[in-house]
C-alpha atoms as a PDB file:
ATOM      1  CA  MET A   1      -7.584  13.298 -17.777  1.00  0.00           C
ATOM      2  CA  SER A   2     -11.286  14.127 -18.195  1.00  0.00           C
ATOM      3  CA  GLN A   3     -12.728  11.816 -15.544  1.00  0.00           C
ATOM      4  CA  LYS A   4     -13.248  13.125 -12.047  1.00  0.00           C
ATOM      5  CA  VAL A   5     -11.606  11.150  -9.259  1.00  0.00           C
ATOM      6  CA  ALA A   6     -12.374  11.591  -5.565  1.00  0.00           C
ATOM      7  CA  VAL A   7     -10.086  10.487  -2.739  1.00  0.00           C
ATOM      8  CA  LEU A   8     -12.162   9.913   0.389  1.00  0.00           C
ATOM      9  CA  GLY A   9     -10.540  10.098   3.804  1.00  0.00           C
ATOM     10  CA  THR A  10      -7.336  11.712   2.571  1.00  0.00           C
ATOM     11  CA  GLY A  11      -4.623  10.786   5.063  1.00  0.00           C
ATOM     12  CA  LYS A  12      -0.936  10.218   4.328  1.00  0.00           C
ATOM     13  CA  ILE A  13      -1.440   7.492   1.733  1.00  0.00           C
ATOM     14  CA  GLY A  14      -4.367   9.342   0.165  1.00  0.00           C
ATOM     15  CA  GLU A  15      -2.300  12.514  -0.089  1.00  0.00           C
ATOM     16  CA  ALA A  16       0.635  10.612  -1.580  1.00  0.00           C
ATOM     17  CA  LEU A  17      -1.689   9.183  -4.203  1.00  0.00           C
ATOM     18  CA  LEU A  18      -3.166  12.608  -4.871  1.00  0.00           C
ATOM     19  CA  SER A  19       0.207  14.268  -5.389  1.00  0.00           C
ATOM     20  CA  GLY A  20       1.394  11.393  -7.571  1.00  0.00           C
ATOM     21  CA  MET A  21      -1.663  11.665  -9.783  1.00  0.00           C
ATOM     22  CA  ILE A  22      -1.062  15.377 -10.289  1.00  0.00           C
ATOM     23  CA  ARG A  23       2.561  14.698 -11.247  1.00  0.00           C
ATOM     24  CA  GLY A  24       1.250  12.003 -13.574  1.00  0.00           C
ATOM     25  CA  GLY A  25      -0.963  14.409 -15.506  1.00  0.00           C
ATOM     26  CA  TRP A  26      -4.288  14.653 -13.702  1.00  0.00           C
ATOM     27  CA  ALA A  27      -5.619  18.193 -13.569  1.00  0.00           C
ATOM     28  CA  PRO A  28      -6.275  19.381  -9.998  1.00  0.00           C
ATOM     29  CA  ALA A  29      -9.677  20.595 -11.193  1.00  0.00           C
ATOM     30  CA  ASP A  30     -10.637  16.948 -11.830  1.00  0.00           C
ATOM     31  CA  LEU A  31      -9.619  15.795  -8.350  1.00  0.00           C
ATOM     32  CA  LEU A  32     -11.917  15.916  -5.337  1.00  0.00           C
ATOM     33  CA  VAL A  33     -10.978  15.190  -1.727  1.00  0.00           C
ATOM     34  CA  THR A  34     -12.776  14.555   1.519  1.00  0.00           C
ATOM     35  CA  ALA A  35     -11.316  14.713   5.001  1.00  0.00           C
ATOM     36  CA  ARG A  36     -12.680  14.312   8.503  1.00  0.00           C
ATOM     37  CA  ARG A  37     -11.493  17.774   9.550  1.00  0.00           C
ATOM     38  CA  SER A  38     -12.291  20.911   7.572  1.00  0.00           C
ATOM     39  CA  GLU A  39      -8.800  22.297   8.328  1.00  0.00           C
ATOM     40  CA  ARG A  40      -7.273  19.240   6.658  1.00  0.00           C
ATOM     41  CA  ALA A  41      -9.482  19.680   3.600  1.00  0.00           C
ATOM     42  CA  GLU A  42      -8.444  23.321   3.245  1.00  0.00           C
ATOM     43  CA  GLU A  43      -4.800  22.339   3.639  1.00  0.00           C
ATOM     44  CA  LEU A  44      -5.160  19.981   0.669  1.00  0.00           C
ATOM     45  CA  ARG A  45      -6.907  22.684  -1.374  1.00  0.00           C
ATOM     46  CA  THR A  46      -4.079  25.146  -0.698  1.00  0.00           C
ATOM     47  CA  ARG A  47      -1.312  22.632  -1.330  1.00  0.00           C
ATOM     48  CA  TYR A  48      -2.630  20.970  -4.504  1.00  0.00           C
ATOM     49  CA  GLY A  49      -5.459  23.097  -5.890  1.00  0.00           C
ATOM     50  CA  VAL A  50      -7.969  20.250  -5.511  1.00  0.00           C
ATOM     51  CA  THR A  51     -11.597  20.671  -4.472  1.00  0.00           C
ATOM     52  CA  PRO A  52     -12.732  19.626  -0.977  1.00  0.00           C
ATOM     53  CA  VAL A  53     -16.252  18.171  -0.887  1.00  0.00           C
ATOM     54  CA  THR A  54     -18.413  16.102   1.432  1.00  0.00           C
ATOM     55  CA  ASN A  55     -18.609  12.336   1.012  1.00  0.00           C
ATOM     56  CA  PRO A  56     -22.123  12.463  -0.529  1.00  0.00           C
ATOM     57  CA  GLU A  57     -21.016  15.217  -2.923  1.00  0.00           C
ATOM     58  CA  ALA A  58     -18.055  13.098  -3.991  1.00  0.00           C
ATOM     59  CA  ALA A  59     -20.351  10.127  -4.615  1.00  0.00           C
ATOM     60  CA  LYS A  60     -22.657  12.219  -6.802  1.00  0.00           C
ATOM     61  CA  THR A  61     -19.927  14.017  -8.755  1.00  0.00           C
ATOM     62  CA  ALA A  62     -16.875  11.795  -9.236  1.00  0.00           C
ATOM     63  CA  ASP A  63     -16.566   8.965 -11.771  1.00  0.00           C
ATOM     64  CA  THR A  64     -14.151   7.070  -9.502  1.00  0.00           C
ATOM     65  CA  LEU A  65     -14.202   6.963  -5.703  1.00  0.00           C
ATOM     66  CA  ILE A  66     -11.005   5.924  -3.935  1.00  0.00           C
ATOM     67  CA  LEU A  67     -11.777   4.949  -0.347  1.00  0.00           C
ATOM     68  CA  THR A  68      -8.712   5.354   1.865  1.00  0.00           C
ATOM     69  CA  VAL A  69     -10.273   5.328   5.331  1.00  0.00           C
ATOM     70  CA  LYS A  70      -9.209   2.778   7.971  1.00  0.00           C
ATOM     71  CA  PRO A  71     -10.824  -0.678   7.730  1.00  0.00           C
ATOM     72  CA  GLN A  72     -12.791  -0.168  10.946  1.00  0.00           C
ATOM     73  CA  ASP A  73     -14.342   3.022   9.497  1.00  0.00           C
ATOM     74  CA  MET A  74     -15.330   1.552   6.132  1.00  0.00           C
ATOM     75  CA  GLY A  75     -18.792   0.343   7.162  1.00  0.00           C
ATOM     76  CA  THR A  76     -19.764   3.782   8.431  1.00  0.00           C
ATOM     77  CA  LEU A  77     -18.476   5.426   5.257  1.00  0.00           C
ATOM     78  CA  LEU A  78     -20.444   3.045   3.042  1.00  0.00           C
ATOM     79  CA  ASP A  79     -23.615   3.719   5.020  1.00  0.00           C
ATOM     80  CA  GLU A  80     -23.116   7.394   4.240  1.00  0.00           C
ATOM     81  CA  LEU A  81     -22.286   6.826   0.574  1.00  0.00           C
ATOM     82  CA  ALA A  82     -24.780   4.115  -0.397  1.00  0.00           C
ATOM     83  CA  PRO A  83     -27.807   6.388  -1.038  1.00  0.00           C
ATOM     84  CA  HIS A  84     -25.744   8.573  -3.373  1.00  0.00           C
ATOM     85  CA  VAL A  85     -23.585   6.121  -5.394  1.00  0.00           C
ATOM     86  CA  PRO A  86     -24.970   5.229  -8.847  1.00  0.00           C
ATOM     87  CA  ALA A  87     -24.193   1.724 -10.076  1.00  0.00           C
ATOM     88  CA  ASP A  88     -21.850   3.050 -12.778  1.00  0.00           C
ATOM     89  CA  ARG A  89     -19.370   4.537 -10.277  1.00  0.00           C
ATOM     90  CA  LEU A  90     -16.039   2.756  -9.919  1.00  0.00           C
ATOM     91  CA  ILE A  91     -15.197   2.087  -6.275  1.00  0.00           C
ATOM     92  CA  ILE A  92     -11.531   1.526  -5.400  1.00  0.00           C
ATOM     93  CA  SER A  93     -10.859   0.335  -1.870  1.00  0.00           C
ATOM     94  CA  GLY A  94      -7.487   0.673  -0.185  1.00  0.00           C
ATOM     95  CA  ALA A  95      -8.584  -0.934   3.094  1.00  0.00           C
ATOM     96  CA  ALA A  96      -6.613  -3.946   4.285  1.00  0.00           C
ATOM     97  CA  GLY A  97      -8.531  -7.156   4.736  1.00  0.00           C
ATOM     98  CA  ILE A  98     -11.907  -6.022   3.374  1.00  0.00           C
ATOM     99  CA  PRO A  99     -13.112  -8.078   0.371  1.00  0.00           C
ATOM    100  CA  THR A 100     -14.890  -6.611  -2.633  1.00  0.00           C
ATOM    101  CA  SER A 101     -18.049  -8.476  -1.620  1.00  0.00           C
ATOM    102  CA  PHE A 102     -18.291  -6.240   1.471  1.00  0.00           C
ATOM    103  CA  PHE A 103     -18.803  -3.244  -0.844  1.00  0.00           C
ATOM    104  CA  GLU A 104     -20.960  -5.026  -3.390  1.00  0.00           C
ATOM    105  CA  GLU A 105     -23.424  -6.058  -0.679  1.00  0.00           C
ATOM    106  CA  ARG A 106     -23.796  -2.460   0.549  1.00  0.00           C
ATOM    107  CA  LEU A 107     -23.935  -0.565  -2.750  1.00  0.00           C
ATOM    108  CA  ALA A 108     -26.236  -0.610  -5.752  1.00  0.00           C
ATOM    109  CA  ALA A 109     -26.392  -3.896  -7.653  1.00  0.00           C
ATOM    110  CA  GLY A 110     -23.734  -4.093 -10.347  1.00  0.00           C
ATOM    111  CA  THR A 111     -21.390  -1.499  -8.821  1.00  0.00           C
ATOM    112  CA  PRO A 112     -17.812  -2.229  -9.956  1.00  0.00           C
ATOM    113  CA  VAL A 113     -15.325  -2.562  -7.115  1.00  0.00           C
ATOM    114  CA  VAL A 114     -11.538  -2.855  -7.307  1.00  0.00           C
ATOM    115  CA  ARG A 115      -9.479  -3.775  -4.250  1.00  0.00           C
ATOM    116  CA  VAL A 116      -5.970  -2.325  -3.947  1.00  0.00           C
ATOM    117  CA  MET A 117      -3.341  -3.014  -1.302  1.00  0.00           C
ATOM    118  CA  THR A 118      -0.614  -0.395  -1.517  1.00  0.00           C
ATOM    119  CA  ASN A 119       2.119   0.491   0.987  1.00  0.00           C
ATOM    120  CA  THR A 120       3.841   3.491   2.537  1.00  0.00           C
ATOM    121  CA  PRO A 121       6.618   3.848  -0.097  1.00  0.00           C
ATOM    122  CA  ALA A 122       3.842   5.552  -2.060  1.00  0.00           C
ATOM    123  CA  LEU A 123       5.115   8.598  -0.170  1.00  0.00           C
ATOM    124  CA  VAL A 124       8.300   8.455  -2.292  1.00  0.00           C
ATOM    125  CA  ASP A 125       6.735   7.056  -5.499  1.00  0.00           C
ATOM    126  CA  GLU A 126       8.090   3.551  -4.825  1.00  0.00           C
ATOM    127  CA  ALA A 127       4.890   1.804  -3.768  1.00  0.00           C
ATOM    128  CA  MET A 128       3.952  -1.774  -4.516  1.00  0.00           C
ATOM    129  CA  SER A 129       0.211  -1.772  -5.215  1.00  0.00           C
ATOM    130  CA  VAL A 130      -1.608  -5.082  -5.636  1.00  0.00           C
ATOM    131  CA  ILE A 131      -4.884  -4.922  -7.587  1.00  0.00           C
ATOM    132  CA  SER A 132      -7.855  -7.293  -7.700  1.00  0.00           C
ATOM    133  CA  GLY A 133     -11.249  -6.907  -9.335  1.00  0.00           C
ATOM    134  CA  GLY A 134     -14.618  -7.668  -7.820  1.00  0.00           C
ATOM    135  CA  THR A 135     -17.557  -9.399  -9.501  1.00  0.00           C
ATOM    136  CA  HIS A 136     -18.520  -6.451 -11.713  1.00  0.00           C
ATOM    137  CA  ALA A 137     -15.079  -4.939 -12.385  1.00  0.00           C
ATOM    138  CA  THR A 138     -14.040  -5.076 -16.033  1.00  0.00           C
ATOM    139  CA  ALA A 139     -10.595  -5.051 -17.615  1.00  0.00           C
ATOM    140  CA  GLU A 140     -11.122  -1.343 -18.221  1.00  0.00           C
ATOM    141  CA  HIS A 141     -11.768  -0.738 -14.522  1.00  0.00           C
ATOM    142  CA  LEU A 142      -8.612  -2.642 -13.568  1.00  0.00           C
ATOM    143  CA  ALA A 143      -6.574  -0.693 -16.117  1.00  0.00           C
ATOM    144  CA  HIS A 144      -7.919   2.566 -14.694  1.00  0.00           C
ATOM    145  CA  ALA A 145      -6.878   1.505 -11.175  1.00  0.00           C
ATOM    146  CA  GLU A 146      -3.435   0.610 -12.506  1.00  0.00           C
ATOM    147  CA  GLU A 147      -3.162   4.021 -14.140  1.00  0.00           C
ATOM    148  CA  ILE A 148      -3.984   5.757 -10.865  1.00  0.00           C
ATOM    149  CA  PHE A 149      -1.727   3.722  -8.588  1.00  0.00           C
ATOM    150  CA  GLY A 150       1.017   3.517 -11.206  1.00  0.00           C
ATOM    151  CA  ALA A 151       1.568   7.209 -10.470  1.00  0.00           C
ATOM    152  CA  VAL A 152       3.152   6.274  -7.118  1.00  0.00           C
ATOM    153  CA  GLY A 153       5.016   3.069  -7.942  1.00  0.00           C
ATOM    154  CA  LYS A 154       4.588  -0.401  -9.387  1.00  0.00           C
ATOM    155  CA  THR A 155       1.324  -2.317  -9.744  1.00  0.00           C
ATOM    156  CA  LEU A 156       0.546  -6.021  -9.891  1.00  0.00           C
ATOM    157  CA  ARG A 157      -2.750  -7.780 -10.633  1.00  0.00           C
ATOM    158  CA  VAL A 158      -3.593 -10.852  -8.543  1.00  0.00           C
ATOM    159  CA  PRO A 159      -6.732 -12.896  -7.860  1.00  0.00           C
ATOM    160  CA  GLU A 160      -8.518 -11.570  -4.804  1.00  0.00           C
ATOM    161  CA  SER A 161      -7.863 -14.878  -3.033  1.00  0.00           C
ATOM    162  CA  GLN A 162      -4.184 -13.853  -2.883  1.00  0.00           C
ATOM    163  CA  GLN A 163      -4.782 -10.411  -1.403  1.00  0.00           C
ATOM    164  CA  ASP A 164      -4.256 -11.461   2.233  1.00  0.00           C
ATOM    165  CA  ALA A 165      -0.887 -12.978   1.348  1.00  0.00           C
ATOM    166  CA  CYS A 166       0.077  -9.822  -0.560  1.00  0.00           C
ATOM    167  CA  THR A 167      -0.952  -7.701   2.419  1.00  0.00           C
ATOM    168  CA  ALA A 168       1.411  -9.732   4.596  1.00  0.00           C
ATOM    169  CA  LEU A 169       4.287  -9.493   2.121  1.00  0.00           C
ATOM    170  CA  SER A 170       4.130  -5.992   0.662  1.00  0.00           C
ATOM    171  CA  GLY A 171       1.415  -4.114   2.536  1.00  0.00           C
ATOM    172  CA  SER A 172       3.181  -4.665   5.853  1.00  0.00           C
ATOM    173  CA  GLY A 173       6.535  -5.345   4.199  1.00  0.00           C
ATOM    174  CA  PRO A 174       8.203  -1.945   4.686  1.00  0.00           C
ATOM    175  CA  ALA A 175       7.823  -2.322   8.461  1.00  0.00           C
ATOM    176  CA  TYR A 176       9.863  -5.528   8.396  1.00  0.00           C
ATOM    177  CA  PHE A 177      12.739  -3.770   6.651  1.00  0.00           C
ATOM    178  CA  PHE A 178      12.564  -0.828   9.061  1.00  0.00           C
ATOM    179  CA  TYR A 179      12.665  -3.317  11.933  1.00  0.00           C
ATOM    180  CA  LEU A 180      15.724  -5.020  10.418  1.00  0.00           C
ATOM    181  CA  VAL A 181      17.507  -1.694   9.919  1.00  0.00           C
ATOM    182  CA  GLU A 182      16.719  -0.749  13.521  1.00  0.00           C
ATOM    183  CA  ALA A 183      18.238  -4.021  14.775  1.00  0.00           C
ATOM    184  CA  MET A 184      21.311  -3.708  12.547  1.00  0.00           C
ATOM    185  CA  THR A 185      21.838  -0.122  13.699  1.00  0.00           C
ATOM    186  CA  ASP A 186      21.823  -1.293  17.316  1.00  0.00           C
ATOM    187  CA  ALA A 187      24.348  -3.968  16.356  1.00  0.00           C
ATOM    188  CA  GLY A 188      26.555  -1.342  14.747  1.00  0.00           C
ATOM    189  CA  ILE A 189      26.511   0.679  17.968  1.00  0.00           C
ATOM    190  CA  LEU A 190      27.391  -2.449  19.929  1.00  0.00           C
ATOM    191  CA  LEU A 191      30.335  -2.971  17.576  1.00  0.00           C
ATOM    192  CA  GLY A 192      31.593   0.544  18.313  1.00  0.00           C
ATOM    193  CA  LEU A 193      30.130   2.732  15.563  1.00  0.00           C
ATOM    194  CA  PRO A 194      28.291   6.035  16.158  1.00  0.00           C
ATOM    195  CA  ARG A 195      24.571   5.737  15.444  1.00  0.00           C
ATOM    196  CA  ASP A 196      24.610   8.088  12.449  1.00  0.00           C
ATOM    197  CA  LYS A 197      27.446   6.217  10.742  1.00  0.00           C
ATOM    198  CA  ALA A 198      25.857   2.837  11.410  1.00  0.00           C
ATOM    199  CA  HIS A 199      22.595   4.150   9.979  1.00  0.00           C
ATOM    200  CA  ASP A 200      24.234   5.483   6.806  1.00  0.00           C
ATOM    201  CA  LEU A 201      26.142   2.233   6.241  1.00  0.00           C
ATOM    202  CA  ILE A 202      23.041   0.089   6.607  1.00  0.00           C
ATOM    203  CA  VAL A 203      20.665   2.268   4.589  1.00  0.00           C
ATOM    204  CA  GLN A 204      23.012   2.533   1.610  1.00  0.00           C
ATOM    205  CA  SER A 205      23.692  -1.201   1.769  1.00  0.00           C
ATOM    206  CA  ALA A 206      19.923  -1.805   1.733  1.00  0.00           C
ATOM    207  CA  ILE A 207      19.418   0.507  -1.245  1.00  0.00           C
ATOM    208  CA  GLY A 208      22.250  -1.120  -3.173  1.00  0.00           C
ATOM    209  CA  ALA A 209      21.001  -4.629  -2.405  1.00  0.00           C
ATOM    210  CA  ALA A 210      17.440  -3.704  -3.453  1.00  0.00           C
ATOM    211  CA  VAL A 211      18.631  -2.275  -6.789  1.00  0.00           C
ATOM    212  CA  MET A 212      20.670  -5.424  -7.435  1.00  0.00           C
ATOM    213  CA  LEU A 213      17.649  -7.611  -6.688  1.00  0.00           C
ATOM    214  CA  ARG A 214      15.493  -5.519  -9.012  1.00  0.00           C
ATOM    215  CA  ASP A 215      17.898  -5.048 -11.901  1.00  0.00           C
ATOM    216  CA  SER A 216      20.308  -7.998 -11.998  1.00  0.00           C
ATOM    217  CA  GLY A 217      17.817 -10.765 -12.771  1.00  0.00           C
ATOM    218  CA  GLU A 218      19.727 -13.000 -10.374  1.00  0.00           C
ATOM    219  CA  HIS A 219      18.075 -15.189  -7.747  1.00  0.00           C
ATOM    220  CA  PRO A 220      18.635 -13.830  -4.195  1.00  0.00           C
ATOM    221  CA  VAL A 221      20.467 -17.044  -3.299  1.00  0.00           C
ATOM    222  CA  LYS A 222      22.999 -16.363  -6.083  1.00  0.00           C
ATOM    223  CA  LEU A 223      23.460 -12.750  -4.965  1.00  0.00           C
ATOM    224  CA  ARG A 224      24.001 -13.887  -1.377  1.00  0.00           C
ATOM    225  CA  GLU A 225      26.490 -16.534  -2.478  1.00  0.00           C
ATOM    226  CA  ASN A 226      28.468 -13.854  -4.320  1.00  0.00           C
ATOM    227  CA  VAL A 227      29.093 -12.167  -0.960  1.00  0.00           C
ATOM    228  CA  THR A 228      29.711 -15.378   0.980  1.00  0.00           C
ATOM    229  CA  SER A 229      33.318 -16.558   0.692  1.00  0.00           C
ATOM    230  CA  PRO A 230      34.499 -19.802   2.319  1.00  0.00           C
ATOM    231  CA  ALA A 231      35.248 -19.439   6.042  1.00  0.00           C
ATOM    232  CA  GLY A 232      34.662 -15.698   5.756  1.00  0.00           C
ATOM    233  CA  THR A 233      32.799 -13.125   7.784  1.00  0.00           C
ATOM    234  CA  THR A 234      29.488 -13.402   5.929  1.00  0.00           C
ATOM    235  CA  ILE A 235      29.063 -17.160   6.293  1.00  0.00           C
ATOM    236  CA  ASN A 236      29.681 -16.867  10.017  1.00  0.00           C
ATOM    237  CA  ALA A 237      26.960 -14.252  10.259  1.00  0.00           C
ATOM    238  CA  ILE A 238      24.569 -16.385   8.159  1.00  0.00           C
ATOM    239  CA  ARG A 239      25.224 -19.356  10.454  1.00  0.00           C
ATOM    240  CA  GLU A 240      24.138 -17.314  13.470  1.00  0.00           C
ATOM    241  CA  LEU A 241      20.995 -16.150  11.679  1.00  0.00           C
ATOM    242  CA  GLU A 242      20.128 -19.781  10.950  1.00  0.00           C
ATOM    243  CA  ASN A 243      20.995 -20.865  14.509  1.00  0.00           C
ATOM    244  CA  HIS A 244      18.571 -18.261  15.855  1.00  0.00           C
ATOM    245  CA  GLY A 245      15.788 -19.314  13.510  1.00  0.00           C
ATOM    246  CA  VAL A 246      15.518 -16.015  11.645  1.00  0.00           C
ATOM    247  CA  ARG A 247      14.163 -17.668   8.485  1.00  0.00           C
ATOM    248  CA  ALA A 248      11.500 -19.570  10.437  1.00  0.00           C
ATOM    249  CA  ALA A 249      10.614 -16.436  12.407  1.00  0.00           C
ATOM    250  CA  LEU A 250      10.055 -14.474   9.193  1.00  0.00           C
ATOM    251  CA  ILE A 251       7.788 -17.165   7.798  1.00  0.00           C
ATOM    252  CA  ALA A 252       5.802 -17.254  11.034  1.00  0.00           C
ATOM    253  CA  ALA A 253       5.554 -13.453  11.082  1.00  0.00           C
ATOM    254  CA  LEU A 254       4.158 -13.345   7.545  1.00  0.00           C
ATOM    255  CA  GLU A 255       1.649 -16.068   8.362  1.00  0.00           C
ATOM    256  CA  ALA A 256       0.533 -14.029  11.402  1.00  0.00           C
ATOM    257  CA  ALA A 257       0.060 -10.930   9.225  1.00  0.00           C
ATOM    258  CA  ARG A 258      -1.944 -12.944   6.683  1.00  0.00           C
ATOM    259  CA  ASP A 259      -4.124 -14.403   9.424  1.00  0.00           C
ATOM    260  CA  ARG A 260      -4.810 -10.937  10.844  1.00  0.00           C
ATOM    261  CA  SER A 261      -5.816  -9.737   7.387  1.00  0.00           C
ATOM    262  CA  ARG A 262      -8.335 -12.579   7.262  1.00  0.00           C
ATOM    263  CA  GLU A 263      -9.618 -11.639  10.709  1.00  0.00           C
ATOM    264  CA  LEU A 264     -10.168  -8.069   9.552  1.00  0.00           C
ATOM    265  CA  ALA A 265     -12.126  -9.391   6.586  1.00  0.00           C
ATOM    266  CA  SER A 266     -14.373 -11.350   8.951  1.00  0.00           C
ATOM    267  CA  GLY A 267     -15.027  -8.241  11.043  1.00  0.00           C
ATOM    268  CA  LYS A 268     -12.897  -9.189  14.055  1.00  0.00           C
ATOM    269  CA  LYS A 269     -11.288  -6.053  15.538  1.00  0.00           C
ATOM    270  CA  ASP A 270      -9.502  -7.319  18.683  1.00  0.00           C
END
């Protein structure tokens, strides 16, 4: 890869992306990083052989800038970058809730911006990254973003109008599954199992179910029905889930996450 790519604000997700890119064929010499603390920058240099730089240096040197700072810090970062970013730089934002127009208004006219919502399974190369282009982003820019984020999982292009919904589903999605596993583990303890055994049972069941959903081509209703025999244990459990409104609660939770994503886009922090 001959283009230089800079990851700005390299936290956990930024580091996962960095390591995935190196495994995917990017030369460390073509990768730049910035970090708030100099110790963190040196740690990344030692671990991956990449080059730590300042944010303005990254803007002047790299062909693609991947902004991975928190949404509330993005305005400050753009104020620092704007005087140094030529209009031909590709800007990739990984900040939840911030539209491409936010960047386009603060950078040179015509700057291409791509918005990406990824999630924490990037740490194990199983991310779901949702990609949308701004006003000036071309098909080539979108393909380049897919190439980068494809190093840590699967990518999907959507219109930017769907980004808030995708944030609710996949951006926050891993937390819902962790929450479910936590609750099921507690149930296993209540039923008399040691915590470690309950955990192993649930995690492997989750992995197996996920692979079946991915690879079988079957609708989840069909897969559930295959486990649900008449008057059996599973249908009794499903009845209790319905009685307690679990389906409705999930829908409401996802709507709440979408609404918060919209609030972040409007600049509301509290």
